Amino acid sequence: MQFLAEELSDPEAAPCGKCANCTGDRVGAAYAADLAEEAARFLECLSLSFDLKKQWPQAPCLRASAAESL
């Protein structure tokens, strides 16, 4: 979370002690194939839905057409 807080310019950004960035507990380059297969199955079964509340208004195209620029 420290990384995210710093990216958002939080002056009180500090290590959370929970995420892999703060604890240093990361899966290395070598890991068991069954672990990768289990992760893939988990992600395939994961279903997330998001309800859109608002959308940004569409900005008009700012580029002039080729004919206008001549």
N, C-alpha and C. Protein backbone atom coordinates (compact mmCIF):
# COMPACT_ATOMS: atom_id res chain seq x y z
N MET A 1 0.81 -1.20 0.00
CA MET A 1 0.00 0.00 0.00
C MET A 1 0.86 1.26 0.00
N GLN A 2 2.08 1.15 0.46
CA GLN A 2 2.95 2.32 0.46
C GLN A 2 3.16 2.82 -0.97
N PHE A 3 3.38 1.89 -1.89
CA PHE A 3 3.58 2.27 -3.28
C PHE A 3 2.38 3.05 -3.80
N LEU A 4 1.18 2.54 -3.56
CA LEU A 4 -0.04 3.20 -4.03
C LEU A 4 -0.18 4.57 -3.37
N ALA A 5 0.05 4.65 -2.09
CA ALA A 5 -0.07 5.92 -1.38
C ALA A 5 0.93 6.94 -1.92
N GLU A 6 2.14 6.50 -2.21
CA GLU A 6 3.13 7.42 -2.77
C GLU A 6 2.72 7.89 -4.16
N GLU A 7 2.17 6.98 -4.98
CA GLU A 7 1.71 7.36 -6.31
C GLU A 7 0.58 8.38 -6.23
N LEU A 8 -0.20 8.34 -5.16
CA LEU A 8 -1.31 9.28 -4.96
C LEU A 8 -0.88 10.50 -4.16
N SER A 9 0.44 10.67 -4.00
CA SER A 9 1.03 11.83 -3.30
C SER A 9 0.58 11.95 -1.86
N ASP A 10 0.43 10.83 -1.19
CA ASP A 10 0.05 10.84 0.22
C ASP A 10 1.29 11.18 1.05
N PRO A 11 1.28 12.29 1.79
CA PRO A 11 2.46 12.66 2.58
C PRO A 11 2.72 11.71 3.75
N GLU A 12 1.75 10.90 4.11
CA GLU A 12 1.92 9.96 5.23
C GLU A 12 2.06 8.52 4.75
N ALA A 13 2.54 8.31 3.53
CA ALA A 13 2.72 6.97 2.99
C ALA A 13 3.71 6.19 3.85
N ALA A 14 3.32 5.00 4.23
CA ALA A 14 4.17 4.16 5.08
C ALA A 14 3.90 2.70 4.76
N PRO A 15 4.85 1.83 5.03
CA PRO A 15 4.63 0.40 4.78
C PRO A 15 3.44 -0.12 5.59
N CYS A 16 2.62 -0.96 4.94
CA CYS A 16 1.47 -1.53 5.64
C CYS A 16 1.85 -2.80 6.40
N GLY A 17 2.92 -3.47 5.93
CA GLY A 17 3.35 -4.69 6.58
C GLY A 17 2.53 -5.91 6.20
N LYS A 18 1.62 -5.75 5.23
CA LYS A 18 0.73 -6.85 4.84
C LYS A 18 0.95 -7.32 3.42
N CYS A 19 1.25 -6.39 2.50
CA CYS A 19 1.35 -6.77 1.09
C CYS A 19 2.76 -7.28 0.77
N ALA A 20 2.89 -7.91 -0.39
CA ALA A 20 4.17 -8.49 -0.81
C ALA A 20 5.24 -7.42 -0.98
N ASN A 21 4.86 -6.22 -1.38
CA ASN A 21 5.85 -5.15 -1.52
C ASN A 21 6.44 -4.76 -0.18
N CYS A 22 5.64 -4.77 0.87
CA CYS A 22 6.13 -4.38 2.19
C CYS A 22 6.83 -5.53 2.92
N THR A 23 6.32 -6.74 2.78
CA THR A 23 6.90 -7.86 3.52
C THR A 23 8.06 -8.51 2.79
N GLY A 24 8.11 -8.35 1.47
CA GLY A 24 9.16 -8.99 0.68
C GLY A 24 8.86 -10.43 0.36
N ASP A 25 7.70 -10.95 0.77
CA ASP A 25 7.30 -12.33 0.48
C ASP A 25 6.74 -12.40 -0.93
N ARG A 26 7.57 -12.81 -1.86
CA ARG A 26 7.14 -12.89 -3.25
C ARG A 26 7.42 -14.28 -3.79
N VAL A 27 6.63 -14.66 -4.78
CA VAL A 27 6.88 -15.92 -5.47
C VAL A 27 8.07 -15.67 -6.39
N GLY A 28 9.09 -16.49 -6.27
CA GLY A 28 10.29 -16.31 -7.07
C GLY A 28 10.08 -16.77 -8.50
N ALA A 29 11.15 -16.73 -9.25
CA ALA A 29 11.09 -17.13 -10.66
C ALA A 29 10.81 -18.62 -10.78
N ALA A 30 11.23 -19.40 -9.80
CA ALA A 30 10.99 -20.85 -9.82
C ALA A 30 9.86 -21.16 -8.83
N TYR A 31 8.79 -21.75 -9.34
CA TYR A 31 7.67 -22.14 -8.49
C TYR A 31 7.09 -23.43 -9.05
N ALA A 32 6.35 -24.10 -8.21
CA ALA A 32 5.80 -25.40 -8.59
C ALA A 32 4.74 -25.24 -9.67
N ALA A 33 4.76 -26.14 -10.63
CA ALA A 33 3.78 -26.10 -11.73
C ALA A 33 2.36 -26.26 -11.21
N ASP A 34 2.17 -27.07 -10.16
CA ASP A 34 0.82 -27.26 -9.62
C ASP A 34 0.30 -25.97 -8.99
N LEU A 35 1.19 -25.15 -8.46
CA LEU A 35 0.78 -23.86 -7.90
C LEU A 35 0.27 -22.95 -9.02
N ALA A 36 0.95 -22.94 -10.15
CA ALA A 36 0.51 -22.13 -11.29
C ALA A 36 -0.83 -22.63 -11.82
N GLU A 37 -1.01 -23.94 -11.90
CA GLU A 37 -2.27 -24.51 -12.38
C GLU A 37 -3.42 -24.18 -11.44
N GLU A 38 -3.16 -24.25 -10.15
CA GLU A 38 -4.20 -23.92 -9.16
C GLU A 38 -4.59 -22.45 -9.26
N ALA A 39 -3.60 -21.58 -9.44
CA ALA A 39 -3.88 -20.15 -9.59
C ALA A 39 -4.70 -19.90 -10.85
N ALA A 40 -4.35 -20.56 -11.95
CA ALA A 40 -5.08 -20.39 -13.20
C ALA A 40 -6.53 -20.84 -13.06
N ARG A 41 -6.75 -21.98 -12.39
CA ARG A 41 -8.13 -22.46 -12.17
C ARG A 41 -8.92 -21.47 -11.33
N PHE A 42 -8.29 -20.92 -10.31
CA PHE A 42 -8.95 -19.94 -9.45
C PHE A 42 -9.37 -18.72 -10.26
N LEU A 43 -8.46 -18.21 -11.08
CA LEU A 43 -8.77 -17.01 -11.86
C LEU A 43 -9.82 -17.27 -12.92
N GLU A 44 -9.84 -18.47 -13.48
CA GLU A 44 -10.85 -18.80 -14.49
C GLU A 44 -12.25 -18.86 -13.88
N CYS A 45 -12.35 -19.25 -12.62
CA CYS A 45 -13.65 -19.37 -11.96
C CYS A 45 -14.10 -18.05 -11.33
N LEU A 46 -13.22 -17.10 -11.24
CA LEU A 46 -13.52 -15.84 -10.60
C LEU A 46 -14.47 -15.03 -11.47
N SER A 47 -15.52 -14.55 -10.88
CA SER A 47 -16.49 -13.75 -11.62
C SER A 47 -16.70 -12.43 -10.90
N LEU A 48 -16.34 -11.36 -11.56
CA LEU A 48 -16.51 -10.03 -10.99
C LEU A 48 -17.44 -9.22 -11.87
N SER A 49 -18.34 -8.51 -11.25
CA SER A 49 -19.20 -7.62 -12.02
C SER A 49 -19.14 -6.24 -11.40
N PHE A 50 -19.16 -5.25 -12.25
CA PHE A 50 -19.08 -3.88 -11.80
C PHE A 50 -20.27 -3.11 -12.32
N ASP A 51 -20.91 -2.37 -11.45
CA ASP A 51 -22.01 -1.50 -11.86
C ASP A 51 -21.43 -0.12 -12.12
N LEU A 52 -21.56 0.35 -13.33
CA LEU A 52 -21.05 1.67 -13.67
C LEU A 52 -22.01 2.72 -13.12
N LYS A 53 -21.47 3.63 -12.36
CA LYS A 53 -22.29 4.68 -11.77
C LYS A 53 -22.30 5.92 -12.66
N LYS A 54 -21.13 6.34 -13.09
CA LYS A 54 -21.02 7.54 -13.91
C LYS A 54 -19.97 7.28 -14.98
N GLN A 55 -20.08 8.01 -16.05
CA GLN A 55 -19.07 7.96 -17.09
C GLN A 55 -18.62 9.39 -17.38
N TRP A 56 -17.35 9.51 -17.73
CA TRP A 56 -16.84 10.81 -18.12
C TRP A 56 -17.51 11.21 -19.42
N PRO A 57 -17.81 12.49 -19.59
CA PRO A 57 -18.40 12.92 -20.87
C PRO A 57 -17.38 12.74 -21.98
N GLN A 58 -17.88 12.43 -23.15
CA GLN A 58 -17.00 12.23 -24.30
C GLN A 58 -16.52 13.59 -24.79
N ALA A 59 -15.21 13.73 -24.92
CA ALA A 59 -14.63 14.98 -25.40
C ALA A 59 -14.70 15.01 -26.93
N PRO A 60 -14.94 16.17 -27.50
CA PRO A 60 -14.94 16.25 -28.96
C PRO A 60 -13.53 16.02 -29.49
N CYS A 61 -13.46 15.56 -30.69
CA CYS A 61 -12.16 15.31 -31.31
C CYS A 61 -11.45 16.63 -31.52
N LEU A 62 -10.21 16.71 -31.07
CA LEU A 62 -9.48 17.97 -31.14
C LEU A 62 -8.63 18.10 -32.40
N ARG A 63 -8.50 17.02 -33.16
CA ARG A 63 -7.70 17.07 -34.38
C ARG A 63 -8.51 17.66 -35.52
N ALA A 64 -7.87 18.51 -36.27
CA ALA A 64 -8.51 19.07 -37.45
C ALA A 64 -8.42 18.05 -38.57
N SER A 65 -9.38 18.09 -39.44
CA SER A 65 -9.34 17.17 -40.59
C SER A 65 -8.24 17.63 -41.54
N ALA A 66 -7.84 16.77 -42.45
CA ALA A 66 -6.77 17.08 -43.39
C ALA A 66 -7.14 18.29 -44.23
N ALA A 67 -8.40 18.41 -44.63
CA ALA A 67 -8.83 19.53 -45.46
C ALA A 67 -8.76 20.85 -44.71
N GLU A 68 -9.06 20.84 -43.40
CA GLU A 68 -9.03 22.07 -42.62
C GLU A 68 -7.63 22.56 -42.37
N SER A 69 -6.65 21.65 -42.34
CA SER A 69 -5.29 22.04 -42.03
C SER A 69 -4.53 22.60 -43.23
N LEU A 70 -5.12 22.51 -44.42
CA LEU A 70 -4.44 23.05 -45.61
C LEU A 70 -4.65 24.50 -45.75
